[in-house]
Amino acid sequence: MTVGVGTRGKIPGMAMRDIRTIGDPVLRTPCDEITVIDDRVRALVDDLLETVDTEGRAGLAANQIGVGLRAFSWNIDDQIGYVLNPRIVELSEDEQEGDEGCLSVPGLWYPTTRAWYARVVGIDLDRNEVEIEGTALMARALQHEVDHLDGKLYLDRLDRSVRKQAMRAVRDQF
């Protein structure tokens, strides 16, 4: 079951936010649990939804827009949604291989192994428990975004030789 999903119209106060890129310490800092759902958190969710609602964007974690709270949004198969305080509760043993990229490491794509299926549990703005699950691209996005909230980048998951190549490209590009 996917809850908290849906497209949203433009809401006053929503903002397309700048994406933080590799080298910004916020991307390497584990995010804090959301303990109070207030106007700040509501605005964060609106900004996450607005910023992910662009073609080619599959997901966006709060720290990618400079906010150290555990929240992310996704945009997969014309479904846009969010989750607060997500945690991965199930991953398949079956894996998928594929090139992965990241808004915070623009222009670089590398083969990354992920579980074929993932299930995440968290809450919505009304503190209702939500469960998001999926295979293929959705599973990859769920794992990628939770990694962000834990202060990790997909580059950390690369095989050693590929990681060396990636880090060289990062140094050259950034």
N, C-alpha and C. Protein backbone atom coordinates (compact mmCIF):
# COMPACT_ATOMS: atom_id res chain seq x y z
N MET A 1 0.85 -1.18 0.00
CA MET A 1 0.00 0.00 0.00
C MET A 1 0.89 1.23 0.00
N THR A 2 0.56 2.19 -0.82
CA THR A 2 1.30 3.44 -0.87
C THR A 2 0.37 4.54 -0.40
N VAL A 3 0.78 5.21 0.65
CA VAL A 3 -0.03 6.27 1.23
C VAL A 3 0.75 7.57 1.14
N GLY A 4 0.06 8.68 1.10
CA GLY A 4 0.73 9.96 1.02
C GLY A 4 1.15 10.27 -0.42
N VAL A 5 0.57 9.53 -1.36
CA VAL A 5 0.94 9.68 -2.76
C VAL A 5 -0.11 10.51 -3.46
N GLY A 6 0.33 11.25 -4.41
CA GLY A 6 -0.61 11.98 -5.25
C GLY A 6 0.03 13.21 -5.80
N THR A 7 -0.53 13.68 -6.86
CA THR A 7 0.00 14.92 -7.41
C THR A 7 -0.65 16.07 -6.64
N ARG A 8 0.06 17.15 -6.58
CA ARG A 8 -0.46 18.32 -5.88
C ARG A 8 -0.35 19.50 -6.83
N GLY A 9 -1.34 20.34 -6.77
CA GLY A 9 -1.28 21.57 -7.55
C GLY A 9 -0.33 22.54 -6.88
N LYS A 10 -0.10 23.64 -7.56
CA LYS A 10 0.76 24.67 -6.99
C LYS A 10 0.08 25.27 -5.77
N ILE A 11 0.78 25.27 -4.68
CA ILE A 11 0.26 25.80 -3.42
C ILE A 11 1.08 27.03 -3.06
N PRO A 12 0.43 28.12 -2.68
CA PRO A 12 1.21 29.30 -2.30
C PRO A 12 2.21 28.93 -1.22
N GLY A 13 3.44 29.39 -1.37
CA GLY A 13 4.47 29.10 -0.39
C GLY A 13 5.36 27.93 -0.79
N MET A 14 4.89 27.12 -1.75
CA MET A 14 5.74 26.03 -2.22
C MET A 14 6.88 26.64 -3.01
N ALA A 15 8.04 26.00 -2.93
CA ALA A 15 9.19 26.56 -3.61
C ALA A 15 10.05 25.46 -4.21
N MET A 16 10.52 25.72 -5.41
CA MET A 16 11.53 24.88 -6.04
C MET A 16 12.84 25.24 -5.35
N ARG A 17 13.46 24.27 -4.71
CA ARG A 17 14.67 24.53 -3.92
C ARG A 17 15.92 24.14 -4.68
N ASP A 18 17.02 24.82 -4.40
CA ASP A 18 18.32 24.48 -4.97
C ASP A 18 18.79 23.15 -4.39
N ILE A 19 19.47 22.37 -5.22
CA ILE A 19 19.99 21.07 -4.82
C ILE A 19 21.43 21.24 -4.35
N ARG A 20 21.72 20.72 -3.16
CA ARG A 20 23.09 20.72 -2.64
C ARG A 20 23.89 19.66 -3.38
N THR A 21 25.14 19.95 -3.66
CA THR A 21 25.97 19.01 -4.41
C THR A 21 27.11 18.47 -3.55
N ILE A 22 27.70 17.40 -4.06
CA ILE A 22 28.76 16.71 -3.36
C ILE A 22 29.81 17.71 -2.88
N GLY A 23 30.28 17.51 -1.67
CA GLY A 23 31.20 18.44 -1.03
C GLY A 23 30.50 19.25 0.05
N ASP A 24 29.18 19.39 -0.04
CA ASP A 24 28.42 20.08 0.99
C ASP A 24 28.28 19.14 2.18
N PRO A 25 28.72 19.55 3.37
CA PRO A 25 28.70 18.65 4.53
C PRO A 25 27.30 18.15 4.92
N VAL A 26 26.25 18.86 4.55
CA VAL A 26 24.90 18.42 4.90
C VAL A 26 24.60 17.05 4.28
N LEU A 27 25.22 16.75 3.15
CA LEU A 27 24.97 15.47 2.48
C LEU A 27 25.62 14.29 3.20
N ARG A 28 26.60 14.56 4.05
CA ARG A 28 27.30 13.50 4.78
C ARG A 28 26.89 13.43 6.25
N THR A 29 25.89 14.21 6.61
CA THR A 29 25.43 14.26 8.00
C THR A 29 24.11 13.50 8.12
N PRO A 30 24.06 12.47 8.97
CA PRO A 30 22.78 11.77 9.16
C PRO A 30 21.70 12.75 9.62
N CYS A 31 20.52 12.57 9.07
CA CYS A 31 19.40 13.47 9.37
C CYS A 31 18.70 13.08 10.67
N ASP A 32 18.12 14.08 11.33
CA ASP A 32 17.41 13.89 12.59
C ASP A 32 15.98 13.41 12.34
N GLU A 33 15.49 12.58 13.24
CA GLU A 33 14.08 12.18 13.22
C GLU A 33 13.20 13.42 13.37
N ILE A 34 12.05 13.39 12.76
CA ILE A 34 11.08 14.46 12.91
C ILE A 34 10.23 14.11 14.14
N THR A 35 10.28 14.97 15.15
CA THR A 35 9.54 14.70 16.39
C THR A 35 8.30 15.57 16.52
N VAL A 36 8.30 16.72 15.85
CA VAL A 36 7.16 17.63 15.89
C VAL A 36 6.78 17.95 14.45
N ILE A 37 5.51 17.78 14.14
CA ILE A 37 5.04 18.15 12.81
C ILE A 37 4.38 19.52 12.93
N ASP A 38 5.12 20.51 12.45
CA ASP A 38 4.67 21.89 12.55
C ASP A 38 4.69 22.52 11.15
N ASP A 39 4.52 23.83 11.09
CA ASP A 39 4.49 24.52 9.81
C ASP A 39 5.81 24.37 9.06
N ARG A 40 6.91 24.29 9.80
CA ARG A 40 8.22 24.11 9.16
C ARG A 40 8.28 22.77 8.42
N VAL A 41 7.79 21.72 9.05
CA VAL A 41 7.80 20.39 8.42
C VAL A 41 6.81 20.36 7.25
N ARG A 42 5.67 20.97 7.42
CA ARG A 42 4.70 21.03 6.32
C ARG A 42 5.29 21.76 5.11
N ALA A 43 5.99 22.87 5.37
CA ALA A 43 6.63 23.62 4.28
C ALA A 43 7.74 22.77 3.64
N LEU A 44 8.46 22.01 4.45
CA LEU A 44 9.50 21.13 3.92
C LEU A 44 8.90 20.12 2.95
N VAL A 45 7.79 19.49 3.35
CA VAL A 45 7.14 18.51 2.48
C VAL A 45 6.69 19.17 1.19
N ASP A 46 6.08 20.35 1.28
CA ASP A 46 5.66 21.07 0.08
C ASP A 46 6.86 21.34 -0.84
N ASP A 47 7.98 21.78 -0.25
CA ASP A 47 9.17 22.07 -1.04
C ASP A 47 9.75 20.79 -1.67
N LEU A 48 9.74 19.69 -0.92
CA LEU A 48 10.23 18.41 -1.46
C LEU A 48 9.37 17.97 -2.65
N LEU A 49 8.06 18.10 -2.51
CA LEU A 49 7.16 17.71 -3.59
C LEU A 49 7.32 18.61 -4.81
N GLU A 50 7.44 19.90 -4.58
CA GLU A 50 7.62 20.85 -5.68
C GLU A 50 8.94 20.60 -6.40
N THR A 51 9.99 20.36 -5.65
CA THR A 51 11.32 20.24 -6.23
C THR A 51 11.50 18.91 -6.96
N VAL A 52 10.85 17.84 -6.50
CA VAL A 52 10.96 16.55 -7.18
C VAL A 52 10.07 16.48 -8.42
N ASP A 53 9.11 17.38 -8.53
CA ASP A 53 8.14 17.35 -9.62
C ASP A 53 8.71 17.95 -10.90
N THR A 54 9.78 17.34 -11.37
CA THR A 54 10.44 17.74 -12.60
C THR A 54 10.85 16.47 -13.34
N GLU A 55 10.67 16.45 -14.63
CA GLU A 55 11.02 15.26 -15.41
C GLU A 55 12.47 14.87 -15.15
N GLY A 56 12.68 13.57 -14.98
CA GLY A 56 14.02 13.06 -14.75
C GLY A 56 14.40 12.96 -13.28
N ARG A 57 13.55 13.42 -12.41
CA ARG A 57 13.83 13.33 -10.97
C ARG A 57 13.00 12.22 -10.37
N ALA A 58 13.69 11.22 -9.77
CA ALA A 58 13.00 10.08 -9.18
C ALA A 58 12.80 10.24 -7.68
N GLY A 59 13.68 10.98 -7.03
CA GLY A 59 13.56 11.14 -5.59
C GLY A 59 14.39 12.31 -5.10
N LEU A 60 14.07 12.76 -3.89
CA LEU A 60 14.77 13.90 -3.31
C LEU A 60 14.69 13.80 -1.78
N ALA A 61 15.84 13.78 -1.14
CA ALA A 61 15.91 13.74 0.32
C ALA A 61 16.04 15.16 0.86
N ALA A 62 15.56 15.36 2.08
CA ALA A 62 15.56 16.70 2.67
C ALA A 62 16.96 17.31 2.75
N ASN A 63 17.97 16.50 3.05
CA ASN A 63 19.30 17.08 3.15
C ASN A 63 19.83 17.55 1.80
N GLN A 64 19.27 17.05 0.71
CA GLN A 64 19.67 17.53 -0.61
C GLN A 64 19.23 18.96 -0.86
N ILE A 65 18.27 19.44 -0.07
CA ILE A 65 17.88 20.85 -0.15
C ILE A 65 18.29 21.59 1.13
N GLY A 66 19.23 20.98 1.87
CA GLY A 66 19.84 21.67 3.00
C GLY A 66 19.13 21.53 4.33
N VAL A 67 18.19 20.60 4.44
CA VAL A 67 17.44 20.42 5.68
C VAL A 67 17.78 19.06 6.28
N GLY A 68 18.28 19.05 7.49
CA GLY A 68 18.74 17.83 8.14
C GLY A 68 17.66 17.06 8.87
N LEU A 69 16.52 16.86 8.22
CA LEU A 69 15.42 16.09 8.81
C LEU A 69 15.12 14.88 7.94
N ARG A 70 14.63 13.79 8.57
CA ARG A 70 14.36 12.54 7.86
C ARG A 70 13.04 12.64 7.10
N ALA A 71 13.16 13.05 5.85
CA ALA A 71 12.00 13.15 4.95
C ALA A 71 12.51 13.05 3.52
N PHE A 72 11.72 12.40 2.68
CA PHE A 72 12.04 12.43 1.26
C PHE A 72 10.77 12.37 0.44
N SER A 73 10.92 12.76 -0.82
CA SER A 73 9.82 12.69 -1.79
C SER A 73 10.28 11.82 -2.95
N TRP A 74 9.30 11.34 -3.73
CA TRP A 74 9.63 10.57 -4.92
C TRP A 74 8.69 10.95 -6.05
N ASN A 75 9.14 10.62 -7.26
CA ASN A 75 8.41 10.90 -8.48
C ASN A 75 8.67 9.72 -9.42
N ILE A 76 7.88 8.67 -9.28
CA ILE A 76 8.07 7.44 -10.03
C ILE A 76 6.76 7.08 -10.73
N ASP A 77 6.84 6.81 -12.01
CA ASP A 77 5.67 6.37 -12.78
C ASP A 77 4.47 7.29 -12.59
N ASP A 78 4.70 8.59 -12.69
CA ASP A 78 3.65 9.60 -12.55
C ASP A 78 2.99 9.62 -11.17
N GLN A 79 3.64 9.04 -10.18
CA GLN A 79 3.18 9.08 -8.79
C GLN A 79 4.18 9.91 -8.00
N ILE A 80 3.68 10.93 -7.34
CA ILE A 80 4.53 11.78 -6.51
C ILE A 80 4.07 11.61 -5.07
N GLY A 81 5.01 11.42 -4.16
CA GLY A 81 4.65 11.25 -2.77
C GLY A 81 5.81 11.61 -1.86
N TYR A 82 5.59 11.42 -0.57
CA TYR A 82 6.59 11.75 0.44
C TYR A 82 6.44 10.78 1.60
N VAL A 83 7.45 10.75 2.44
CA VAL A 83 7.40 9.99 3.68
C VAL A 83 8.31 10.69 4.69
N LEU A 84 7.87 10.69 5.93
CA LEU A 84 8.65 11.25 7.03
C LEU A 84 9.18 10.09 7.88
N ASN A 85 10.37 10.26 8.42
CA ASN A 85 11.01 9.26 9.28
C ASN A 85 11.02 7.86 8.66
N PRO A 86 11.41 7.77 7.39
CA PRO A 86 11.40 6.46 6.73
C PRO A 86 12.49 5.54 7.26
N ARG A 87 12.16 4.27 7.29
CA ARG A 87 13.16 3.25 7.59
C ARG A 87 12.87 2.05 6.71
N ILE A 88 13.93 1.47 6.21
CA ILE A 88 13.79 0.27 5.39
C ILE A 88 13.50 -0.90 6.31
N VAL A 89 12.42 -1.61 6.02
CA VAL A 89 12.04 -2.76 6.85
C VAL A 89 12.18 -4.08 6.11
N GLU A 90 12.35 -4.01 4.79
CA GLU A 90 12.51 -5.24 4.03
C GLU A 90 13.22 -4.96 2.71
N LEU A 91 14.19 -5.83 2.40
CA LEU A 91 14.88 -5.81 1.11
C LEU A 91 14.91 -7.24 0.60
N SER A 92 14.74 -7.41 -0.69
CA SER A 92 14.81 -8.75 -1.26
C SER A 92 16.27 -9.20 -1.34
N GLU A 93 16.44 -10.51 -1.37
CA GLU A 93 17.77 -11.04 -1.62
C GLU A 93 18.13 -10.90 -3.09
N ASP A 94 17.10 -10.90 -3.96
CA ASP A 94 17.33 -10.69 -5.38
C ASP A 94 17.83 -9.27 -5.58
N GLU A 95 18.82 -9.14 -6.46
CA GLU A 95 19.42 -7.83 -6.69
C GLU A 95 19.17 -7.35 -8.11
N GLN A 96 19.35 -6.05 -8.29
CA GLN A 96 19.30 -5.45 -9.61
C GLN A 96 20.60 -4.69 -9.84
N GLU A 97 21.05 -4.74 -11.05
CA GLU A 97 22.23 -3.99 -11.46
C GLU A 97 21.74 -2.88 -12.38
N GLY A 98 22.36 -1.74 -12.30
CA GLY A 98 21.98 -0.67 -13.21
C GLY A 98 22.74 0.59 -12.90
N ASP A 99 22.83 1.45 -13.89
CA ASP A 99 23.48 2.74 -13.68
C ASP A 99 22.59 3.58 -12.78
N GLU A 100 23.23 4.24 -11.84
CA GLU A 100 22.51 5.10 -10.91
C GLU A 100 23.16 6.47 -10.94
N GLY A 101 22.34 7.48 -10.79
CA GLY A 101 22.82 8.85 -10.73
C GLY A 101 22.22 9.53 -9.52
N CYS A 102 22.54 10.80 -9.35
CA CYS A 102 22.07 11.52 -8.18
C CYS A 102 22.05 13.01 -8.49
N LEU A 103 21.00 13.68 -8.06
CA LEU A 103 20.90 15.13 -8.25
C LEU A 103 22.05 15.87 -7.57
N SER A 104 22.60 15.27 -6.51
CA SER A 104 23.70 15.90 -5.78
C SER A 104 25.07 15.57 -6.37
N VAL A 105 25.09 14.70 -7.36
CA VAL A 105 26.31 14.37 -8.10
C VAL A 105 25.94 14.44 -9.59
N PRO A 106 25.57 15.63 -10.06
CA PRO A 106 24.99 15.76 -11.40
C PRO A 106 25.93 15.32 -12.51
N GLY A 107 25.31 14.66 -13.50
CA GLY A 107 26.04 14.29 -14.70
C GLY A 107 26.84 13.01 -14.62
N LEU A 108 26.90 12.38 -13.47
CA LEU A 108 27.69 11.16 -13.31
C LEU A 108 26.77 9.99 -13.00
N TRP A 109 26.92 8.92 -13.76
CA TRP A 109 26.12 7.71 -13.60
C TRP A 109 27.06 6.52 -13.52
N TYR A 110 26.84 5.64 -12.52
CA TYR A 110 27.71 4.48 -12.34
C TYR A 110 26.89 3.26 -11.98
N PRO A 111 27.39 2.07 -12.39
CA PRO A 111 26.68 0.83 -12.06
C PRO A 111 26.65 0.61 -10.55
N THR A 112 25.42 0.45 -10.05
CA THR A 112 25.21 0.32 -8.61
C THR A 112 24.27 -0.86 -8.37
N THR A 113 24.66 -1.72 -7.45
CA THR A 113 23.84 -2.88 -7.10
C THR A 113 22.88 -2.48 -5.98
N ARG A 114 21.62 -2.81 -6.17
CA ARG A 114 20.58 -2.56 -5.17
C ARG A 114 19.70 -3.79 -5.08
N ALA A 115 18.94 -3.89 -3.99
CA ALA A 115 17.93 -4.95 -3.88
C ALA A 115 16.85 -4.70 -4.93
N TRP A 116 16.29 -5.77 -5.47
CA TRP A 116 15.24 -5.68 -6.48
C TRP A 116 13.94 -5.14 -5.89
N TYR A 117 13.68 -5.48 -4.62
CA TYR A 117 12.44 -5.08 -3.92
C TYR A 117 12.84 -4.38 -2.63
N ALA A 118 12.11 -3.34 -2.27
CA ALA A 118 12.32 -2.64 -1.00
C ALA A 118 10.98 -2.23 -0.43
N ARG A 119 10.92 -2.24 0.90
CA ARG A 119 9.73 -1.76 1.62
C ARG A 119 10.20 -0.82 2.72
N VAL A 120 9.58 0.37 2.74
CA VAL A 120 9.90 1.42 3.70
C VAL A 120 8.66 1.74 4.51
N VAL A 121 8.85 1.97 5.80
CA VAL A 121 7.77 2.38 6.68
C VAL A 121 8.14 3.73 7.29
N GLY A 122 7.15 4.61 7.40
CA GLY A 122 7.35 5.92 8.00
C GLY A 122 6.00 6.49 8.39
N ILE A 123 5.91 7.81 8.41
CA ILE A 123 4.65 8.48 8.75
C ILE A 123 4.37 9.58 7.74
N ASP A 124 3.10 10.04 7.74
CA ASP A 124 2.73 11.19 6.92
C ASP A 124 2.57 12.40 7.84
N LEU A 125 2.10 13.50 7.27
CA LEU A 125 1.96 14.74 8.05
C LEU A 125 0.92 14.65 9.16
N ASP A 126 0.03 13.65 9.08
CA ASP A 126 -0.98 13.45 10.13
C ASP A 126 -0.54 12.39 11.13
N ARG A 127 0.73 11.99 11.05
CA ARG A 127 1.32 10.96 11.92
C ARG A 127 0.73 9.56 11.68
N ASN A 128 0.06 9.37 10.56
CA ASN A 128 -0.41 8.04 10.19
C ASN A 128 0.77 7.25 9.66
N GLU A 129 0.84 5.96 10.02
CA GLU A 129 1.90 5.12 9.48
C GLU A 129 1.65 4.92 7.99
N VAL A 130 2.73 5.03 7.21
CA VAL A 130 2.66 4.78 5.78
C VAL A 130 3.69 3.72 5.42
N GLU A 131 3.36 2.98 4.38
CA GLU A 131 4.25 1.95 3.88
C GLU A 131 4.37 2.16 2.38
N ILE A 132 5.60 2.21 1.91
CA ILE A 132 5.87 2.34 0.48
C ILE A 132 6.71 1.15 0.09
N GLU A 133 6.32 0.49 -0.98
CA GLU A 133 7.09 -0.65 -1.44
C GLU A 133 7.15 -0.64 -2.94
N GLY A 134 8.13 -1.32 -3.46
CA GLY A 134 8.21 -1.39 -4.91
C GLY A 134 9.39 -2.21 -5.36
N THR A 135 9.41 -2.44 -6.66
CA THR A 135 10.49 -3.16 -7.30
C THR A 135 11.15 -2.23 -8.30
N ALA A 136 12.25 -2.70 -8.85
CA ALA A 136 12.95 -1.99 -9.92
C ALA A 136 13.27 -0.55 -9.52
N LEU A 137 12.79 0.42 -10.31
CA LEU A 137 13.14 1.82 -10.06
C LEU A 137 12.63 2.31 -8.71
N MET A 138 11.41 1.92 -8.31
CA MET A 138 10.91 2.37 -7.00
C MET A 138 11.79 1.83 -5.88
N ALA A 139 12.17 0.57 -5.96
CA ALA A 139 13.04 -0.02 -4.93
C ALA A 139 14.38 0.71 -4.89
N ARG A 140 14.92 1.00 -6.05
CA ARG A 140 16.20 1.71 -6.13
C ARG A 140 16.06 3.10 -5.49
N ALA A 141 14.98 3.80 -5.81
CA ALA A 141 14.77 5.15 -5.26
C ALA A 141 14.61 5.11 -3.74
N LEU A 142 13.85 4.16 -3.23
CA LEU A 142 13.66 4.06 -1.78
C LEU A 142 15.00 3.86 -1.07
N GLN A 143 15.81 2.96 -1.59
CA GLN A 143 17.12 2.70 -0.98
C GLN A 143 18.04 3.90 -1.10
N HIS A 144 18.03 4.54 -2.27
CA HIS A 144 18.88 5.70 -2.52
C HIS A 144 18.54 6.85 -1.56
N GLU A 145 17.25 7.12 -1.39
CA GLU A 145 16.85 8.25 -0.55
C GLU A 145 17.10 7.98 0.93
N VAL A 146 16.85 6.76 1.39
CA VAL A 146 17.15 6.43 2.79
C VAL A 146 18.66 6.54 3.03
N ASP A 147 19.47 6.11 2.05
CA ASP A 147 20.92 6.31 2.18
C ASP A 147 21.24 7.78 2.39
N HIS A 148 20.63 8.67 1.59
CA HIS A 148 20.86 10.11 1.77
C HIS A 148 20.58 10.52 3.21
N LEU A 149 19.46 10.08 3.74
CA LEU A 149 19.07 10.49 5.10
C LEU A 149 20.03 9.95 6.15
N ASP A 150 20.75 8.88 5.79
CA ASP A 150 21.77 8.31 6.68
C ASP A 150 23.15 8.94 6.44
N GLY A 151 23.22 9.94 5.56
CA GLY A 151 24.48 10.63 5.29
C GLY A 151 25.36 9.91 4.28
N LYS A 152 24.76 9.08 3.43
CA LYS A 152 25.52 8.33 2.44
C LYS A 152 25.10 8.72 1.02
N LEU A 153 26.05 8.61 0.11
CA LEU A 153 25.79 8.82 -1.30
C LEU A 153 25.90 7.49 -2.03
N TYR A 154 25.28 7.39 -3.20
CA TYR A 154 25.36 6.15 -3.95
C TYR A 154 26.80 5.79 -4.30
N LEU A 155 27.67 6.79 -4.38
CA LEU A 155 29.08 6.54 -4.68
C LEU A 155 29.72 5.63 -3.63
N ASP A 156 29.21 5.68 -2.41
CA ASP A 156 29.73 4.83 -1.33
C ASP A 156 29.47 3.35 -1.57
N ARG A 157 28.50 3.04 -2.41
CA ARG A 157 28.11 1.66 -2.68
C ARG A 157 28.81 1.05 -3.90
N LEU A 158 29.59 1.84 -4.60
CA LEU A 158 30.22 1.36 -5.82
C LEU A 158 31.32 0.36 -5.52
N ASP A 159 31.53 -0.57 -6.46
CA ASP A 159 32.67 -1.46 -6.36
C ASP A 159 33.94 -0.62 -6.32
N ARG A 160 34.96 -1.15 -5.68
CA ARG A 160 36.17 -0.37 -5.41
C ARG A 160 36.77 0.28 -6.66
N SER A 161 36.93 -0.48 -7.74
CA SER A 161 37.56 0.08 -8.95
C SER A 161 36.68 1.16 -9.58
N VAL A 162 35.39 0.93 -9.59
CA VAL A 162 34.46 1.91 -10.14
C VAL A 162 34.43 3.15 -9.25
N ARG A 163 34.50 2.94 -7.94
CA ARG A 163 34.49 4.07 -7.01
C ARG A 163 35.70 4.97 -7.23
N LYS A 164 36.86 4.38 -7.46
CA LYS A 164 38.07 5.18 -7.73
C LYS A 164 37.86 6.04 -8.97
N GLN A 165 37.30 5.44 -10.01
CA GLN A 165 37.02 6.17 -11.26
C GLN A 165 36.01 7.29 -10.99
N ALA A 166 34.97 6.98 -10.21
CA ALA A 166 33.94 7.97 -9.90
C ALA A 166 34.51 9.14 -9.10
N MET A 167 35.33 8.85 -8.13
CA MET A 167 35.88 9.92 -7.30
C MET A 167 36.83 10.81 -8.11
N ARG A 168 37.54 10.21 -9.07
CA ARG A 168 38.38 11.01 -9.97
C ARG A 168 37.50 11.96 -10.78
N ALA A 169 36.38 11.44 -11.29
CA ALA A 169 35.45 12.27 -12.07
C ALA A 169 34.85 13.37 -11.20
N VAL A 170 34.53 13.06 -9.96
CA VAL A 170 34.01 14.06 -9.03
C VAL A 170 35.02 15.17 -8.82
N ARG A 171 36.28 14.80 -8.58
CA ARG A 171 37.33 15.80 -8.38
C ARG A 171 37.49 16.69 -9.62
N ASP A 172 37.41 16.07 -10.80
CA ASP A 172 37.55 16.83 -12.04
C ASP A 172 36.37 17.77 -12.29
N GLN A 173 35.18 17.32 -11.91
CA GLN A 173 33.96 18.07 -12.22
C GLN A 173 33.64 19.12 -11.16
N PHE A 174 33.95 18.82 -9.92
CA PHE A 174 33.55 19.74 -8.84
C PHE A 174 34.79 20.38 -8.28
